[in-house]
Amino acid sequence: MRWFYLSISVLVIAVAAYSAESNIAVKTEDGSQIAAELRNLVPASKTTLQGIIKRRDANRNEHILKIVSKIIPQNNGWLTIYEALKSDGSLYEELIIIHTADQKNHYILTTAAENGVKKRDENPRLTTPFANSDFLIGDLGLEFFHWKNQQLIKTEMRKSRVCRVLESKPSETDCQLGYSCVISWVDKETGGLLIAEAYDNAGKKVKQFEVNSFKKDEKGNWQIEEIEIRNLILKTRTLLVFQP
């Protein structure tokens, strides 16, 4: 079965995020190997998705941008590109994630200033929100799957799917996203990330990532339609809505 993965990071969650087509399902029962398979999934072909990224603040005010997500396979890895665009089509912010098998991600963040000058940062802080959304850069790079401590804690049903539940914890040398733990529900059949929850040092849930809707296209492939991430501390919500 094919699945369109969205890393949008998330968070966490994250996310996740990326969207990529793959025929690989997670088969192992070892937590570290599950995380390795998830972070090293290489897309079968170039994929482009378009839609909107919509953030709602605690006062229910909404900020909407167009978004284009691209997955580009390369030798021994792939690129994930997120372009957030203003209503006139001009660049608001762009994030490029360079994925290389069994290596750390490399990030390039480009932001457009009011005077039209673009600022390029090849070493951005991974706790920086992308396009002022609830997705951190590190969420979109699925940094929590790179952490050293990965444990398969159970198998259970979520969203009518049999899921492996993976607990990810950072060591002192891992990328610190402000999370003490991330719990991920990974679809057993397809290997798709359905839900992820992030917790702080006090054990309080601070973020939740969830695939809200997906469907099969005319070719029988699964395609994500909507992804949501909620910041439970700030009481904000960001939706990624993709158009066919």
C-alpha atoms as a PDB file:
ATOM      1  CA  MET A   1       0.000   0.000   0.000  1.00  0.00           C
ATOM      2  CA  ARG A   2       1.277   3.482  -0.789  1.00  0.00           C
ATOM      3  CA  TRP A   3       1.145   6.409   1.578  1.00  0.00           C
ATOM      4  CA  PHE A   4       1.847  10.125   1.183  1.00  0.00           C
ATOM      5  CA  TYR A   5       3.977  11.015   4.202  1.00  0.00           C
ATOM      6  CA  LEU A   6       3.961  14.547   5.465  1.00  0.00           C
ATOM      7  CA  SER A   7       6.769  15.520   7.652  1.00  0.00           C
ATOM      8  CA  ILE A   8       5.692  18.360   8.630  1.00  0.00           C
ATOM      9  CA  SER A   9       7.549  17.144  12.025  1.00  0.00           C
ATOM     10  CA  VAL A  10       5.683  17.280  13.692  1.00  0.00           C
ATOM     11  CA  LEU A  11       5.397  17.216  16.060  1.00  0.00           C
ATOM     12  CA  VAL A  12       5.944  16.291  16.425  1.00  0.00           C
ATOM     13  CA  ILE A  13       5.446  16.082  16.054  1.00  0.00           C
ATOM     14  CA  ALA A  14       5.774  16.495  13.948  1.00  0.00           C
ATOM     15  CA  VAL A  15       6.332  16.019  11.878  1.00  0.00           C
ATOM     16  CA  ALA A  16       6.081  16.300  10.423  1.00  0.00           C
ATOM     17  CA  ALA A  17       6.560  16.919   8.154  1.00  0.00           C
ATOM     18  CA  TYR A  18       7.072  15.766   4.811  1.00  0.00           C
ATOM     19  CA  SER A  19       5.048  14.343   2.039  1.00  0.00           C
ATOM     20  CA  ALA A  20       6.553  11.486   0.161  1.00  0.00           C
ATOM     21  CA  GLU A  21       5.360   8.396  -1.658  1.00  0.00           C
ATOM     22  CA  SER A  22       6.682   5.067  -0.441  1.00  0.00           C
ATOM     23  CA  ASN A  23       5.889   1.369  -0.518  1.00  0.00           C
ATOM     24  CA  ILE A  24       7.818   0.655   2.683  1.00  0.00           C
ATOM     25  CA  ALA A  25       5.950  -0.356   5.838  1.00  0.00           C
ATOM     26  CA  VAL A  26       7.593  -0.602   9.252  1.00  0.00           C
ATOM     27  CA  LYS A  27       8.201  -4.310   9.908  1.00  0.00           C
ATOM     28  CA  THR A  28      10.527  -4.446  12.894  1.00  0.00           C
ATOM     29  CA  GLU A  29       9.491  -4.625  16.550  1.00  0.00           C
ATOM     30  CA  ASP A  30      12.558  -2.686  17.746  1.00  0.00           C
ATOM     31  CA  GLY A  31      11.985   0.998  18.595  1.00  0.00           C
ATOM     32  CA  SER A  32      15.362   2.218  17.344  1.00  0.00           C
ATOM     33  CA  GLN A  33      14.932   0.437  14.029  1.00  0.00           C
ATOM     34  CA  ILE A  34      11.391   1.779  13.625  1.00  0.00           C
ATOM     35  CA  ALA A  35      12.698   5.333  14.065  1.00  0.00           C
ATOM     36  CA  ALA A  36      15.562   4.643  11.638  1.00  0.00           C
ATOM     37  CA  GLU A  37      13.178   3.330   8.986  1.00  0.00           C
ATOM     38  CA  LEU A  38      10.891   6.345   9.404  1.00  0.00           C
ATOM     39  CA  ARG A  39      13.656   8.951   9.163  1.00  0.00           C
ATOM     40  CA  ASN A  40      15.339   7.186   6.236  1.00  0.00           C
ATOM     41  CA  LEU A  41      12.274   6.617   4.049  1.00  0.00           C
ATOM     42  CA  VAL A  42      13.337   7.700   0.570  1.00  0.00           C
ATOM     43  CA  PRO A  43      10.482   8.913  -1.673  1.00  0.00           C
ATOM     44  CA  ALA A  44       9.891   6.894  -4.827  1.00  0.00           C
ATOM     45  CA  SER A  45       9.365   9.940  -7.036  1.00  0.00           C
ATOM     46  CA  LYS A  46       9.175  13.713  -7.068  1.00  0.00           C
ATOM     47  CA  THR A  47       5.990  14.987  -5.427  1.00  0.00           C
ATOM     48  CA  THR A  48       4.436  18.456  -5.253  1.00  0.00           C
ATOM     49  CA  LEU A  49       1.464  19.353  -3.055  1.00  0.00           C
ATOM     50  CA  GLN A  50      -0.282  22.736  -2.851  1.00  0.00           C
ATOM     51  CA  GLY A  51      -2.718  24.177  -0.363  1.00  0.00           C
ATOM     52  CA  ILE A  52      -2.885  26.573   2.545  1.00  0.00           C
ATOM     53  CA  ILE A  53      -1.346  26.881   5.993  1.00  0.00           C
ATOM     54  CA  LYS A  54      -3.792  28.472   8.440  1.00  0.00           C
ATOM     55  CA  ARG A  55      -2.970  29.448  12.005  1.00  0.00           C
ATOM     56  CA  ARG A  56      -5.608  30.448  14.550  1.00  0.00           C
ATOM     57  CA  ASP A  57      -4.469  32.234  17.711  1.00  0.00           C
ATOM     58  CA  ALA A  58      -5.980  32.098  21.200  1.00  0.00           C
ATOM     59  CA  ASN A  59      -8.388  34.902  20.240  1.00  0.00           C
ATOM     60  CA  ARG A  60      -9.507  32.969  17.145  1.00  0.00           C
ATOM     61  CA  ASN A  61      -7.815  35.375  14.764  1.00  0.00           C
ATOM     62  CA  GLU A  62      -6.629  33.592  11.612  1.00  0.00           C
ATOM     63  CA  HIS A  63      -3.505  34.048   9.522  1.00  0.00           C
ATOM     64  CA  ILE A  64      -3.586  32.262   6.147  1.00  0.00           C
ATOM     65  CA  LEU A  65      -0.775  31.687   3.656  1.00  0.00           C
ATOM     66  CA  LYS A  66      -0.550  29.620   0.513  1.00  0.00           C
ATOM     67  CA  ILE A  67       1.846  26.689   0.778  1.00  0.00           C
ATOM     68  CA  VAL A  68       3.704  24.525  -1.709  1.00  0.00           C
ATOM     69  CA  SER A  69       5.393  21.349  -0.475  1.00  0.00           C
ATOM     70  CA  LYS A  70       7.923  19.572  -2.684  1.00  0.00           C
ATOM     71  CA  ILE A  71       9.754  16.272  -2.275  1.00  0.00           C
ATOM     72  CA  ILE A  72      12.769  15.783  -4.555  1.00  0.00           C
ATOM     73  CA  PRO A  73      14.671  12.445  -4.481  1.00  0.00           C
ATOM     74  CA  GLN A  74      18.467  12.650  -4.665  1.00  0.00           C
ATOM     75  CA  ASN A  75      21.386  10.246  -4.428  1.00  0.00           C
ATOM     76  CA  ASN A  76      21.426   8.771  -0.905  1.00  0.00           C
ATOM     77  CA  GLY A  77      18.651  11.086   0.255  1.00  0.00           C
ATOM     78  CA  TRP A  78      16.104  13.696  -0.726  1.00  0.00           C
ATOM     79  CA  LEU A  79      15.058  17.316  -0.343  1.00  0.00           C
ATOM     80  CA  THR A  80      11.908  18.566   1.347  1.00  0.00           C
ATOM     81  CA  ILE A  81      10.947  22.123   0.433  1.00  0.00           C
ATOM     82  CA  TYR A  82       8.194  24.156   2.080  1.00  0.00           C
ATOM     83  CA  GLU A  83       7.263  27.474   0.465  1.00  0.00           C
ATOM     84  CA  ALA A  84       4.859  29.745   2.340  1.00  0.00           C
ATOM     85  CA  LEU A  85       3.507  32.403  -0.026  1.00  0.00           C
ATOM     86  CA  LYS A  86       1.602  35.635   0.409  1.00  0.00           C
ATOM     87  CA  SER A  87      -1.751  36.179  -1.289  1.00  0.00           C
ATOM     88  CA  ASP A  88      -0.008  37.797  -4.281  1.00  0.00           C
ATOM     89  CA  GLY A  89       2.219  34.725  -4.735  1.00  0.00           C
ATOM     90  CA  SER A  90       5.393  36.360  -3.428  1.00  0.00           C
ATOM     91  CA  LEU A  91       7.602  34.540  -0.952  1.00  0.00           C
ATOM     92  CA  TYR A  92       6.865  34.810   2.746  1.00  0.00           C
ATOM     93  CA  GLU A  93       9.220  32.095   3.947  1.00  0.00           C
ATOM     94  CA  GLU A  94      10.951  29.032   2.514  1.00  0.00           C
ATOM     95  CA  LEU A  95      12.411  26.049   4.341  1.00  0.00           C
ATOM     96  CA  ILE A  96      14.668  23.508   2.643  1.00  0.00           C
ATOM     97  CA  ILE A  97      15.471  20.302   4.530  1.00  0.00           C
ATOM     98  CA  ILE A  98      18.298  18.197   3.137  1.00  0.00           C
ATOM     99  CA  HIS A  99      17.837  14.582   4.232  1.00  0.00           C
ATOM    100  CA  THR A 100      20.796  12.202   3.941  1.00  0.00           C
ATOM    101  CA  ALA A 101      20.523   8.568   5.022  1.00  0.00           C
ATOM    102  CA  ASP A 102      21.807   7.967   8.569  1.00  0.00           C
ATOM    103  CA  GLN A 103      23.051  11.548   8.902  1.00  0.00           C
ATOM    104  CA  LYS A 104      21.741  14.700  10.532  1.00  0.00           C
ATOM    105  CA  ASN A 105      19.377  16.911   8.563  1.00  0.00           C
ATOM    106  CA  HIS A 106      20.638  20.172   7.118  1.00  0.00           C
ATOM    107  CA  TYR A 107      18.259  23.159   7.085  1.00  0.00           C
ATOM    108  CA  ILE A 108      18.170  26.336   5.004  1.00  0.00           C
ATOM    109  CA  LEU A 109      15.633  29.017   5.952  1.00  0.00           C
ATOM    110  CA  THR A 110      14.915  31.973   3.663  1.00  0.00           C
ATOM    111  CA  THR A 111      12.703  34.804   4.899  1.00  0.00           C
ATOM    112  CA  ALA A 112      11.484  37.789   2.873  1.00  0.00           C
ATOM    113  CA  ALA A 113      11.789  41.157   4.619  1.00  0.00           C
ATOM    114  CA  GLU A 114       9.355  44.029   4.116  1.00  0.00           C
ATOM    115  CA  ASN A 115      11.793  45.816   1.817  1.00  0.00           C
ATOM    116  CA  GLY A 116      11.877  42.792  -0.478  1.00  0.00           C
ATOM    117  CA  VAL A 117      15.341  41.672   0.589  1.00  0.00           C
ATOM    118  CA  LYS A 118      15.594  37.960   1.332  1.00  0.00           C
ATOM    119  CA  LYS A 119      17.481  36.723   4.372  1.00  0.00           C
ATOM    120  CA  ARG A 120      19.087  33.278   4.015  1.00  0.00           C
ATOM    121  CA  ASP A 121      20.090  31.304   7.109  1.00  0.00           C
ATOM    122  CA  GLU A 122      21.885  27.979   6.627  1.00  0.00           C
ATOM    123  CA  ASN A 123      21.978  27.184  10.328  1.00  0.00           C
ATOM    124  CA  PRO A 124      18.602  28.258  11.731  1.00  0.00           C
ATOM    125  CA  ARG A 125      17.529  27.457  15.271  1.00  0.00           C
ATOM    126  CA  LEU A 126      15.394  24.335  15.080  1.00  0.00           C
ATOM    127  CA  THR A 127      12.992  25.806  17.638  1.00  0.00           C
ATOM    128  CA  THR A 128      12.113  28.608  15.193  1.00  0.00           C
ATOM    129  CA  PRO A 129       8.448  28.461  14.076  1.00  0.00           C
ATOM    130  CA  PHE A 130       8.022  28.045  10.328  1.00  0.00           C
ATOM    131  CA  ALA A 131       6.037  30.917   8.784  1.00  0.00           C
ATOM    132  CA  ASN A 132       4.816  31.975  12.254  1.00  0.00           C
ATOM    133  CA  SER A 133       2.892  28.709  12.546  1.00  0.00           C
ATOM    134  CA  ASP A 134       2.818  26.130  15.347  1.00  0.00           C
ATOM    135  CA  PHE A 135       5.276  23.946  13.424  1.00  0.00           C
ATOM    136  CA  LEU A 136       8.871  24.323  14.553  1.00  0.00           C
ATOM    137  CA  ILE A 137      11.590  23.825  11.971  1.00  0.00           C
ATOM    138  CA  GLY A 138      12.705  20.776  13.931  1.00  0.00           C
ATOM    139  CA  ASP A 139       9.145  19.424  13.905  1.00  0.00           C
ATOM    140  CA  LEU A 140       9.063  19.535  10.121  1.00  0.00           C
ATOM    141  CA  GLY A 141      12.406  17.727  10.014  1.00  0.00           C
ATOM    142  CA  LEU A 142      11.089  14.998  12.340  1.00  0.00           C
ATOM    143  CA  GLU A 143      14.089  15.556  14.590  1.00  0.00           C
ATOM    144  CA  PHE A 144      12.557  13.442  17.351  1.00  0.00           C
ATOM    145  CA  PHE A 145      13.076  10.346  15.194  1.00  0.00           C
ATOM    146  CA  HIS A 146      16.808  11.178  15.268  1.00  0.00           C
ATOM    147  CA  TRP A 147      16.954  10.998  19.075  1.00  0.00           C
ATOM    148  CA  LYS A 148      18.951   8.124  20.548  1.00  0.00           C
ATOM    149  CA  ASN A 149      16.308   6.806  22.947  1.00  0.00           C
ATOM    150  CA  GLN A 150      13.516   5.084  20.988  1.00  0.00           C
ATOM    151  CA  GLN A 151      11.210   2.511  22.539  1.00  0.00           C
ATOM    152  CA  LEU A 152       8.240   0.590  21.172  1.00  0.00           C
ATOM    153  CA  ILE A 153       5.830   0.693  24.111  1.00  0.00           C
ATOM    154  CA  LYS A 154       2.656  -0.962  22.763  1.00  0.00           C
ATOM    155  CA  THR A 155       0.391  -1.657  19.807  1.00  0.00           C
ATOM    156  CA  GLU A 156      -3.140  -0.237  19.741  1.00  0.00           C
ATOM    157  CA  MET A 157      -5.937   0.980  17.490  1.00  0.00           C
ATOM    158  CA  ARG A 158      -6.113   4.673  16.559  1.00  0.00           C
ATOM    159  CA  LYS A 159      -8.242   6.137  13.768  1.00  0.00           C
ATOM    160  CA  SER A 160      -9.443   2.582  13.054  1.00  0.00           C
ATOM    161  CA  ARG A 161      -5.855   1.574  12.223  1.00  0.00           C
ATOM    162  CA  VAL A 162      -3.519  -0.815  14.037  1.00  0.00           C
ATOM    163  CA  CYS A 163      -0.623   1.356  15.221  1.00  0.00           C
ATOM    164  CA  ARG A 164       2.764   0.819  16.792  1.00  0.00           C
ATOM    165  CA  VAL A 165       3.270   3.344  19.595  1.00  0.00           C
ATOM    166  CA  LEU A 166       6.815   4.717  19.705  1.00  0.00           C
ATOM    167  CA  GLU A 167       8.258   6.699  22.625  1.00  0.00           C
ATOM    168  CA  SER A 168      11.138   9.034  21.679  1.00  0.00           C
ATOM    169  CA  LYS A 169      13.309  10.760  24.290  1.00  0.00           C
ATOM    170  CA  PRO A 170      16.300  13.060  23.701  1.00  0.00           C
ATOM    171  CA  SER A 171      19.705  12.521  25.256  1.00  0.00           C
ATOM    172  CA  GLU A 172      21.874  15.450  26.346  1.00  0.00           C
ATOM    173  CA  THR A 173      23.634  15.441  22.973  1.00  0.00           C
ATOM    174  CA  ASP A 174      20.467  15.297  20.865  1.00  0.00           C
ATOM    175  CA  CYS A 175      18.748  18.288  19.294  1.00  0.00           C
ATOM    176  CA  GLN A 176      16.677  19.928  22.021  1.00  0.00           C
ATOM    177  CA  LEU A 177      13.233  21.053  20.852  1.00  0.00           C
ATOM    178  CA  GLY A 178      11.872  21.812  24.297  1.00  0.00           C
ATOM    179  CA  TYR A 179      10.243  18.382  24.511  1.00  0.00           C
ATOM    180  CA  SER A 180      11.168  15.735  27.070  1.00  0.00           C
ATOM    181  CA  CYS A 181       9.291  13.027  25.197  1.00  0.00           C
ATOM    182  CA  VAL A 182       7.343  12.466  21.982  1.00  0.00           C
ATOM    183  CA  ILE A 183       4.796   9.658  21.620  1.00  0.00           C
ATOM    184  CA  SER A 184       4.041   8.649  18.013  1.00  0.00           C
ATOM    185  CA  TRP A 185       1.338   6.395  16.588  1.00  0.00           C
ATOM    186  CA  VAL A 186       2.710   4.738  13.445  1.00  0.00           C
ATOM    187  CA  ASP A 187       0.359   2.841  11.149  1.00  0.00           C
ATOM    188  CA  LYS A 188       1.524  -0.790  11.237  1.00  0.00           C
ATOM    189  CA  GLU A 189       0.526  -1.613   7.665  1.00  0.00           C
ATOM    190  CA  THR A 190       1.822   1.450   5.828  1.00  0.00           C
ATOM    191  CA  GLY A 191       4.384   2.943   8.217  1.00  0.00           C
ATOM    192  CA  GLY A 192       2.533   6.284   8.102  1.00  0.00           C
ATOM    193  CA  LEU A 193       2.692   8.664  11.067  1.00  0.00           C
ATOM    194  CA  LEU A 194      -0.912   9.313  12.176  1.00  0.00           C
ATOM    195  CA  ILE A 195      -0.582  11.054  15.557  1.00  0.00           C
ATOM    196  CA  ALA A 196       2.246  12.490  17.648  1.00  0.00           C
ATOM    197  CA  GLU A 197       2.162  14.080  21.105  1.00  0.00           C
ATOM    198  CA  ALA A 198       4.948  16.161  22.658  1.00  0.00           C
ATOM    199  CA  TYR A 199       5.507  16.507  26.429  1.00  0.00           C
ATOM    200  CA  ASP A 200       7.529  18.980  28.490  1.00  0.00           C
ATOM    201  CA  ASN A 201       9.931  18.235  31.359  1.00  0.00           C
ATOM    202  CA  ALA A 202       7.039  18.160  33.830  1.00  0.00           C
ATOM    203  CA  GLY A 203       5.308  15.439  31.822  1.00  0.00           C
ATOM    204  CA  LYS A 204       2.606  17.807  30.548  1.00  0.00           C
ATOM    205  CA  LYS A 205       1.394  17.440  26.979  1.00  0.00           C
ATOM    206  CA  VAL A 206       2.257  20.651  25.138  1.00  0.00           C
ATOM    207  CA  LYS A 207       1.615  19.809  21.475  1.00  0.00           C
ATOM    208  CA  GLN A 208      -0.430  17.387  19.447  1.00  0.00           C
ATOM    209  CA  PHE A 209      -0.024  16.561  15.764  1.00  0.00           C
ATOM    210  CA  GLU A 210      -2.684  14.628  13.894  1.00  0.00           C
ATOM    211  CA  VAL A 211      -3.590  13.616  10.363  1.00  0.00           C
ATOM    212  CA  ASN A 212      -7.240  14.695  10.229  1.00  0.00           C
ATOM    213  CA  SER A 213      -8.236  13.295   6.854  1.00  0.00           C
ATOM    214  CA  PHE A 214      -6.875  11.233   3.999  1.00  0.00           C
ATOM    215  CA  LYS A 215      -8.341   9.365   1.049  1.00  0.00           C
ATOM    216  CA  LYS A 216      -7.460   7.113  -1.844  1.00  0.00           C
ATOM    217  CA  ASP A 217      -6.989   8.727  -5.229  1.00  0.00           C
ATOM    218  CA  GLU A 218      -8.073   7.251  -8.556  1.00  0.00           C
ATOM    219  CA  LYS A 219      -4.873   5.165  -8.690  1.00  0.00           C
ATOM    220  CA  GLY A 220      -5.488   3.623  -5.285  1.00  0.00           C
ATOM    221  CA  ASN A 221      -2.806   5.678  -3.509  1.00  0.00           C
ATOM    222  CA  TRP A 222      -3.439   7.199  -0.085  1.00  0.00           C
ATOM    223  CA  GLN A 223      -3.253  10.991  -0.058  1.00  0.00           C
ATOM    224  CA  ILE A 224      -3.271  13.292   2.949  1.00  0.00           C
ATOM    225  CA  GLU A 225      -5.868  16.071   2.814  1.00  0.00           C
ATOM    226  CA  GLU A 226      -5.494  17.826   6.180  1.00  0.00           C
ATOM    227  CA  ILE A 227      -2.968  17.892   9.006  1.00  0.00           C
ATOM    228  CA  GLU A 228      -3.381  19.725  12.302  1.00  0.00           C
ATOM    229  CA  ILE A 229      -0.965  20.734  15.037  1.00  0.00           C
ATOM    230  CA  ARG A 230      -2.163  22.260  18.301  1.00  0.00           C
ATOM    231  CA  ASN A 231      -0.081  24.163  20.834  1.00  0.00           C
ATOM    232  CA  LEU A 232      -1.853  23.342  24.098  1.00  0.00           C
ATOM    233  CA  ILE A 233       0.074  25.973  26.075  1.00  0.00           C
ATOM    234  CA  LEU A 234      -0.565  28.932  23.767  1.00  0.00           C
ATOM    235  CA  LYS A 235      -4.011  27.560  22.793  1.00  0.00           C
ATOM    236  CA  THR A 236      -3.233  27.991  19.111  1.00  0.00           C
ATOM    237  CA  ARG A 237      -3.834  25.718  16.142  1.00  0.00           C
ATOM    238  CA  THR A 238      -2.297  25.370  12.689  1.00  0.00           C
ATOM    239  CA  LEU A 239      -3.907  23.508   9.813  1.00  0.00           C
ATOM    240  CA  LEU A 240      -2.215  22.308   6.634  1.00  0.00           C
ATOM    241  CA  VAL A 241      -4.884  21.733   3.998  1.00  0.00           C
ATOM    242  CA  PHE A 242      -3.803  20.208   0.692  1.00  0.00           C
ATOM    243  CA  GLN A 243      -5.723  20.450  -2.532  1.00  0.00           C
ATOM    244  CA  PRO A 244      -5.950  17.581  -5.047  1.00  0.00           C
END
